[in-house]
Amino acid sequence: RESTGFLIGSPEFSAKILGDEPFQFYK
């Protein structure tokens, strides 16, 4: 992912922010 630190999934995030697999869970 292109982000760092701890993050909780949010509507404005993308796969680049969360990573592909977590973003798949989120969607």
PDB file of all heavy atoms in Angstrom:
ATOM      1  N   ARG A   1       0.845  -1.198   0.000  1.00  0.00           N
ATOM      2  CA  ARG A   1       0.000   0.000   0.000  1.00  0.00           C
ATOM      3  C   ARG A   1       0.879   1.246   0.000  1.00  0.00           C
ATOM      4  O   ARG A   1       2.051   1.192   0.393  1.00  0.00           O
ATOM      5  CB  ARG A   1      -0.930  -0.002   1.217  1.00  0.00           C
ATOM      6  CG  ARG A   1      -0.221   0.010   2.577  1.00  0.00           C
ATOM      7  CD  ARG A   1      -1.217  -0.209   3.700  1.00  0.00           C
ATOM      8  NE  ARG A   1      -0.558  -0.427   4.992  1.00  0.00           N
ATOM      9  CZ  ARG A   1      -0.603   0.418   6.011  1.00  0.00           C
ATOM     10  NH1 ARG A   1      -1.275   1.560   5.909  1.00  0.00           N
ATOM     11  NH2 ARG A   1      -0.014   0.138   7.149  1.00  0.00           N
ATOM     12  N   GLU A   2       0.294   2.355  -0.414  1.00  0.00           N
ATOM     13  CA  GLU A   2       1.041   3.607  -0.506  1.00  0.00           C
ATOM     14  C   GLU A   2       0.915   4.443   0.767  1.00  0.00           C
ATOM     15  O   GLU A   2       1.382   5.583   0.799  1.00  0.00           O
ATOM     16  CB  GLU A   2       0.569   4.406  -1.719  1.00  0.00           C
ATOM     17  CG  GLU A   2       0.859   3.712  -3.044  1.00  0.00           C
ATOM     18  CD  GLU A   2       0.396   4.525  -4.240  1.00  0.00           C
ATOM     19  OE1 GLU A   2      -0.189   5.609  -4.031  1.00  0.00           O
ATOM     20  OE2 GLU A   2       0.606   4.070  -5.385  1.00  0.00           O
ATOM     21  N   SER A   3       0.290   3.884   1.785  1.00  0.00           N
ATOM     22  CA  SER A   3       0.118   4.593   3.054  1.00  0.00           C
ATOM     23  C   SER A   3       0.996   3.929   4.115  1.00  0.00           C
ATOM     24  O   SER A   3       1.590   2.874   3.897  1.00  0.00           O
ATOM     25  CB  SER A   3      -1.345   4.547   3.482  1.00  0.00           C
ATOM     26  OG  SER A   3      -1.774   3.194   3.615  1.00  0.00           O
ATOM     27  N   THR A   4       1.056   4.561   5.268  1.00  0.00           N
ATOM     28  CA  THR A   4       1.817   4.014   6.386  1.00  0.00           C
ATOM     29  C   THR A   4       0.974   4.081   7.652  1.00  0.00           C
ATOM     30  O   THR A   4      -0.038   4.785   7.715  1.00  0.00           O
ATOM     31  CB  THR A   4       3.133   4.786   6.615  1.00  0.00           C
ATOM     32  OG1 THR A   4       2.823   6.174   6.851  1.00  0.00           O
ATOM     33  CG2 THR A   4       4.050   4.666   5.422  1.00  0.00           C
ATOM     34  N   GLY A   5       1.403   3.359   8.669  1.00  0.00           N
ATOM     35  CA  GLY A   5       0.732   3.399   9.951  1.00  0.00           C
ATOM     36  C   GLY A   5      -0.570   2.614   9.966  1.00  0.00           C
ATOM     37  O   GLY A   5      -0.900   1.881   9.029  1.00  0.00           O
ATOM     38  N   PHE A   6      -1.317   2.797  11.043  1.00  0.00           N
ATOM     39  CA  PHE A   6      -2.576   2.085  11.226  1.00  0.00           C
ATOM     40  C   PHE A   6      -3.717   2.860  10.587  1.00  0.00           C
ATOM     41  O   PHE A   6      -3.842   4.075  10.775  1.00  0.00           O
ATOM     42  CB  PHE A   6      -2.858   1.893  12.713  1.00  0.00           C
ATOM     43  CG  PHE A   6      -4.207   1.293  13.005  1.00  0.00           C
ATOM     44  CD1 PHE A   6      -4.416  -0.067  12.877  1.00  0.00           C
ATOM     45  CD2 PHE A   6      -5.283   2.098  13.393  1.00  0.00           C
ATOM     46  CE1 PHE A   6      -5.661  -0.634  13.141  1.00  0.00           C
ATOM     47  CE2 PHE A   6      -6.523   1.548  13.655  1.00  0.00           C
ATOM     48  CZ  PHE A   6      -6.709   0.181  13.525  1.00  0.00           C
ATOM     49  N   LEU A   7      -4.555   2.168   9.826  1.00  0.00           N
ATOM     50  CA  LEU A   7      -5.709   2.791   9.183  1.00  0.00           C
ATOM     51  C   LEU A   7      -6.919   1.873   9.278  1.00  0.00           C
ATOM     52  O   LEU A   7      -6.789   0.651   9.200  1.00  0.00           O
ATOM     53  CB  LEU A   7      -5.427   3.063   7.696  1.00  0.00           C
ATOM     54  CG  LEU A   7      -4.369   4.109   7.338  1.00  0.00           C
ATOM     55  CD1 LEU A   7      -4.126   4.091   5.828  1.00  0.00           C
ATOM     56  CD2 LEU A   7      -4.803   5.487   7.798  1.00  0.00           C
ATOM     57  N   ILE A   8      -8.080   2.484   9.414  1.00  0.00           N
ATOM     58  CA  ILE A   8      -9.357   1.767   9.347  1.00  0.00           C
ATOM     59  C   ILE A   8     -10.030   2.142   8.039  1.00  0.00           C
ATOM     60  O   ILE A   8     -10.047   3.313   7.651  1.00  0.00           O
ATOM     61  CB  ILE A   8     -10.252   2.119  10.545  1.00  0.00           C
ATOM     62  CG1 ILE A   8      -9.652   1.540  11.838  1.00  0.00           C
ATOM     63  CG2 ILE A   8     -11.670   1.574  10.344  1.00  0.00           C
ATOM     64  CD1 ILE A   8     -10.414   1.912  13.094  1.00  0.00           C
ATOM     65  N   GLY A   9     -10.549   1.142   7.335  1.00  0.00           N
ATOM     66  CA  GLY A   9     -11.173   1.358   6.033  1.00  0.00           C
ATOM     67  C   GLY A   9     -12.193   2.480   6.052  1.00  0.00           C
ATOM     68  O   GLY A   9     -13.002   2.599   6.978  1.00  0.00           O
ATOM     69  N   SER A  10     -12.161   3.300   5.001  1.00  0.00           N
ATOM     70  CA  SER A  10     -13.030   4.469   4.904  1.00  0.00           C
ATOM     71  C   SER A  10     -13.446   4.650   3.447  1.00  0.00           C
ATOM     72  O   SER A  10     -12.713   4.251   2.537  1.00  0.00           O
ATOM     73  CB  SER A  10     -12.271   5.703   5.406  1.00  0.00           C
ATOM     74  OG  SER A  10     -13.055   6.859   5.316  1.00  0.00           O
ATOM     75  N   PRO A  11     -14.633   5.234   3.178  1.00  0.00           N
ATOM     76  CA  PRO A  11     -15.123   5.362   1.803  1.00  0.00           C
ATOM     77  C   PRO A  11     -14.173   6.079   0.848  1.00  0.00           C
ATOM     78  O   PRO A  11     -14.186   5.815  -0.350  1.00  0.00           O
ATOM     79  CB  PRO A  11     -16.428   6.151   1.974  1.00  0.00           C
ATOM     80  CG  PRO A  11     -16.882   5.839   3.349  1.00  0.00           C
ATOM     81  CD  PRO A  11     -15.637   5.716   4.162  1.00  0.00           C
ATOM     82  N   GLU A  12     -13.354   6.978   1.362  1.00  0.00           N
ATOM     83  CA  GLU A  12     -12.469   7.725   0.460  1.00  0.00           C
ATOM     84  C   GLU A  12     -11.192   6.960   0.119  1.00  0.00           C
ATOM     85  O   GLU A  12     -10.394   7.398  -0.713  1.00  0.00           O
ATOM     86  CB  GLU A  12     -12.084   9.082   1.068  1.00  0.00           C
ATOM     87  CG  GLU A  12     -11.203   9.019   2.298  1.00  0.00           C
ATOM     88  CD  GLU A  12     -11.989   8.950   3.605  1.00  0.00           C
ATOM     89  OE1 GLU A  12     -13.188   8.615   3.547  1.00  0.00           O
ATOM     90  OE2 GLU A  12     -11.401   9.234   4.659  1.00  0.00           O
ATOM     91  N   PHE A  13     -10.999   5.792   0.727  1.00  0.00           N
ATOM     92  CA  PHE A  13      -9.786   5.018   0.474  1.00  0.00           C
ATOM     93  C   PHE A  13      -9.910   4.188  -0.798  1.00  0.00           C
ATOM     94  O   PHE A  13     -11.012   3.883  -1.263  1.00  0.00           O
ATOM     95  CB  PHE A  13      -9.476   4.094   1.655  1.00  0.00           C
ATOM     96  CG  PHE A  13      -9.008   4.803   2.892  1.00  0.00           C
ATOM     97  CD1 PHE A  13      -8.932   4.140   4.106  1.00  0.00           C
ATOM     98  CD2 PHE A  13      -8.625   6.131   2.850  1.00  0.00           C
ATOM     99  CE1 PHE A  13      -8.510   4.776   5.251  1.00  0.00           C
ATOM    100  CE2 PHE A  13      -8.194   6.791   3.995  1.00  0.00           C
ATOM    101  CZ  PHE A  13      -8.132   6.108   5.193  1.00  0.00           C
ATOM    102  N   SER A  14      -8.761   3.808  -1.338  1.00  0.00           N
ATOM    103  CA  SER A  14      -8.692   2.932  -2.509  1.00  0.00           C
ATOM    104  C   SER A  14      -7.774   1.766  -2.186  1.00  0.00           C
ATOM    105  O   SER A  14      -7.209   1.673  -1.082  1.00  0.00           O
ATOM    106  CB  SER A  14      -8.131   3.701  -3.707  1.00  0.00           C
ATOM    107  OG  SER A  14      -6.781   4.066  -3.456  1.00  0.00           O
ATOM    108  N   ALA A  15      -7.596   0.870  -3.161  1.00  0.00           N
ATOM    109  CA  ALA A  15      -6.677  -0.257  -2.983  1.00  0.00           C
ATOM    110  C   ALA A  15      -5.249   0.233  -2.757  1.00  0.00           C
ATOM    111  O   ALA A  15      -4.462  -0.423  -2.067  1.00  0.00           O
ATOM    112  CB  ALA A  15      -6.742  -1.180  -4.195  1.00  0.00           C
ATOM    113  N   LYS A  16      -4.917   1.397  -3.312  1.00  0.00           N
ATOM    114  CA  LYS A  16      -3.581   1.941  -3.115  1.00  0.00           C
ATOM    115  C   LYS A  16      -3.348   2.329  -1.661  1.00  0.00           C
ATOM    116  O   LYS A  16      -2.223   2.271  -1.167  1.00  0.00           O
ATOM    117  CB  LYS A  16      -3.374   3.166  -4.012  1.00  0.00           C
ATOM    118  CG  LYS A  16      -3.284   2.844  -5.497  1.00  0.00           C
ATOM    119  CD  LYS A  16      -3.025   4.104  -6.294  1.00  0.00           C
ATOM    120  CE  LYS A  16      -2.896   3.791  -7.781  1.00  0.00           C
ATOM    121  NZ  LYS A  16      -2.636   5.006  -8.582  1.00  0.00           N
ATOM    122  N   ILE A  17      -4.403   2.726  -0.979  1.00  0.00           N
ATOM    123  CA  ILE A  17      -4.275   3.161   0.416  1.00  0.00           C
ATOM    124  C   ILE A  17      -4.343   1.981   1.384  1.00  0.00           C
ATOM    125  O   ILE A  17      -3.552   1.885   2.325  1.00  0.00           O
ATOM    126  CB  ILE A  17      -5.378   4.182   0.771  1.00  0.00           C
ATOM    127  CG1 ILE A  17      -5.280   5.396  -0.166  1.00  0.00           C
ATOM    128  CG2 ILE A  17      -5.265   4.615   2.232  1.00  0.00           C
ATOM    129  CD1 ILE A  17      -3.967   6.134  -0.096  1.00  0.00           C
ATOM    130  N   LEU A  18      -5.284   1.054   1.148  1.00  0.00           N
ATOM    131  CA  LEU A  18      -5.468  -0.066   2.066  1.00  0.00           C
ATOM    132  C   LEU A  18      -4.656  -1.299   1.689  1.00  0.00           C
ATOM    133  O   LEU A  18      -4.404  -2.152   2.541  1.00  0.00           O
ATOM    134  CB  LEU A  18      -6.951  -0.465   2.128  1.00  0.00           C
ATOM    135  CG  LEU A  18      -7.895   0.380   2.970  1.00  0.00           C
ATOM    136  CD1 LEU A  18      -9.283  -0.224   2.966  1.00  0.00           C
ATOM    137  CD2 LEU A  18      -7.394   0.530   4.398  1.00  0.00           C
ATOM    138  N   GLY A  19      -4.262  -1.404   0.418  1.00  0.00           N
ATOM    139  CA  GLY A  19      -3.721  -2.657  -0.083  1.00  0.00           C
ATOM    140  C   GLY A  19      -4.834  -3.437  -0.759  1.00  0.00           C
ATOM    141  O   GLY A  19      -6.013  -3.298  -0.403  1.00  0.00           O
ATOM    142  N   ASP A  20      -4.483  -4.269  -1.734  1.00  0.00           N
ATOM    143  CA  ASP A  20      -5.527  -4.898  -2.553  1.00  0.00           C
ATOM    144  C   ASP A  20      -6.421  -5.852  -1.772  1.00  0.00           C
ATOM    145  O   ASP A  20      -7.648  -5.814  -1.904  1.00  0.00           O
ATOM    146  CB  ASP A  20      -4.918  -5.597  -3.779  1.00  0.00           C
ATOM    147  CG  ASP A  20      -3.766  -6.523  -3.436  1.00  0.00           C
ATOM    148  OD1 ASP A  20      -3.551  -6.832  -2.257  1.00  0.00           O
ATOM    149  OD2 ASP A  20      -3.061  -6.945  -4.378  1.00  0.00           O
ATOM    150  N   GLU A  21      -5.848  -6.726  -0.959  1.00  0.00           N
ATOM    151  CA  GLU A  21      -6.670  -7.704  -0.254  1.00  0.00           C
ATOM    152  C   GLU A  21      -7.564  -7.062   0.813  1.00  0.00           C
ATOM    153  O   GLU A  21      -8.771  -7.353   0.858  1.00  0.00           O
ATOM    154  CB  GLU A  21      -5.780  -8.802   0.335  1.00  0.00           C
ATOM    155  CG  GLU A  21      -5.186  -9.693  -0.757  1.00  0.00           C
ATOM    156  CD  GLU A  21      -3.891 -10.357  -0.341  1.00  0.00           C
ATOM    157  OE1 GLU A  21      -3.292  -9.907   0.661  1.00  0.00           O
ATOM    158  OE2 GLU A  21      -3.478 -11.302  -1.027  1.00  0.00           O
ATOM    159  N   PRO A  22      -7.028  -6.167   1.686  1.00  0.00           N
ATOM    160  CA  PRO A  22      -7.923  -5.493   2.635  1.00  0.00           C
ATOM    161  C   PRO A  22      -9.011  -4.678   1.939  1.00  0.00           C
ATOM    162  O   PRO A  22     -10.153  -4.637   2.405  1.00  0.00           O
ATOM    163  CB  PRO A  22      -6.974  -4.582   3.430  1.00  0.00           C
ATOM    164  CG  PRO A  22      -5.640  -5.229   3.300  1.00  0.00           C
ATOM    165  CD  PRO A  22      -5.620  -5.843   1.942  1.00  0.00           C
ATOM    166  N   PHE A  23      -8.667  -4.046   0.816  1.00  0.00           N
ATOM    167  CA  PHE A  23      -9.672  -3.264   0.094  1.00  0.00           C
ATOM    168  C   PHE A  23     -10.762  -4.181  -0.464  1.00  0.00           C
ATOM    169  O   PHE A  23     -11.936  -3.800  -0.505  1.00  0.00           O
ATOM    170  CB  PHE A  23      -9.022  -2.473  -1.040  1.00  0.00           C
ATOM    171  CG  PHE A  23      -9.950  -1.475  -1.679  1.00  0.00           C
ATOM    172  CD1 PHE A  23     -10.390  -0.367  -0.976  1.00  0.00           C
ATOM    173  CD2 PHE A  23     -10.386  -1.638  -2.984  1.00  0.00           C
ATOM    174  CE1 PHE A  23     -11.249   0.559  -1.556  1.00  0.00           C
ATOM    175  CE2 PHE A  23     -11.246  -0.727  -3.578  1.00  0.00           C
ATOM    176  CZ  PHE A  23     -11.677   0.376  -2.861  1.00  0.00           C
ATOM    177  N   GLN A  24     -10.374  -5.377  -0.876  1.00  0.00           N
ATOM    178  CA  GLN A  24     -11.366  -6.352  -1.325  1.00  0.00           C
ATOM    179  C   GLN A  24     -12.322  -6.698  -0.188  1.00  0.00           C
ATOM    180  O   GLN A  24     -13.537  -6.773  -0.379  1.00  0.00           O
ATOM    181  CB  GLN A  24     -10.668  -7.615  -1.834  1.00  0.00           C
ATOM    182  CG  GLN A  24     -11.614  -8.682  -2.357  1.00  0.00           C
ATOM    183  CD  GLN A  24     -10.858  -9.857  -2.962  1.00  0.00           C
ATOM    184  OE1 GLN A  24      -9.869  -9.690  -3.660  1.00  0.00           O
ATOM    185  NE2 GLN A  24     -11.318 -11.068  -2.670  1.00  0.00           N
ATOM    186  N   PHE A  25     -11.781  -6.902   1.020  1.00  0.00           N
ATOM    187  CA  PHE A  25     -12.652  -7.160   2.182  1.00  0.00           C
ATOM    188  C   PHE A  25     -13.595  -5.976   2.404  1.00  0.00           C
ATOM    189  O   PHE A  25     -14.791  -6.157   2.666  1.00  0.00           O
ATOM    190  CB  PHE A  25     -11.821  -7.367   3.463  1.00  0.00           C
ATOM    191  CG  PHE A  25     -10.821  -8.483   3.414  1.00  0.00           C
ATOM    192  CD1 PHE A  25      -9.658  -8.427   4.176  1.00  0.00           C
ATOM    193  CD2 PHE A  25     -11.029  -9.603   2.628  1.00  0.00           C
ATOM    194  CE1 PHE A  25      -8.729  -9.437   4.152  1.00  0.00           C
ATOM    195  CE2 PHE A  25     -10.097 -10.635   2.594  1.00  0.00           C
ATOM    196  CZ  PHE A  25      -8.942 -10.545   3.361  1.00  0.00           C
ATOM    197  N   TYR A  26     -13.041  -4.768   2.319  1.00  0.00           N
ATOM    198  CA  TYR A  26     -13.812  -3.568   2.599  1.00  0.00           C
ATOM    199  C   TYR A  26     -14.971  -3.410   1.617  1.00  0.00           C
ATOM    200  O   TYR A  26     -16.086  -3.040   2.010  1.00  0.00           O
ATOM    201  CB  TYR A  26     -12.897  -2.338   2.545  1.00  0.00           C
ATOM    202  CG  TYR A  26     -13.613  -1.049   2.852  1.00  0.00           C
ATOM    203  CD1 TYR A  26     -13.929  -0.703   4.163  1.00  0.00           C
ATOM    204  CD2 TYR A  26     -13.999  -0.185   1.834  1.00  0.00           C
ATOM    205  CE1 TYR A  26     -14.603   0.471   4.451  1.00  0.00           C
ATOM    206  CE2 TYR A  26     -14.671   0.987   2.106  1.00  0.00           C
ATOM    207  CZ  TYR A  26     -14.975   1.306   3.419  1.00  0.00           C
ATOM    208  OH  TYR A  26     -15.651   2.465   3.689  1.00  0.00           O
ATOM    209  N   LYS A  27     -14.727  -3.682   0.347  1.00  0.00           N
ATOM    210  CA  LYS A  27     -15.759  -3.518  -0.674  1.00  0.00           C
ATOM    211  C   LYS A  27     -16.837  -4.601  -0.584  1.00  0.00           C
ATOM    212  O   LYS A  27     -18.004  -4.348  -0.904  1.00  0.00           O
ATOM    213  CB  LYS A  27     -15.124  -3.548  -2.063  1.00  0.00           C
ATOM    214  CG  LYS A  27     -14.183  -2.384  -2.348  1.00  0.00           C
ATOM    215  CD  LYS A  27     -14.900  -1.049  -2.370  1.00  0.00           C
ATOM    216  CE  LYS A  27     -15.722  -0.864  -3.626  1.00  0.00           C
ATOM    217  NZ  LYS A  27     -16.316   0.490  -3.698  1.00  0.00           N
TER     218      LYS A  27
END
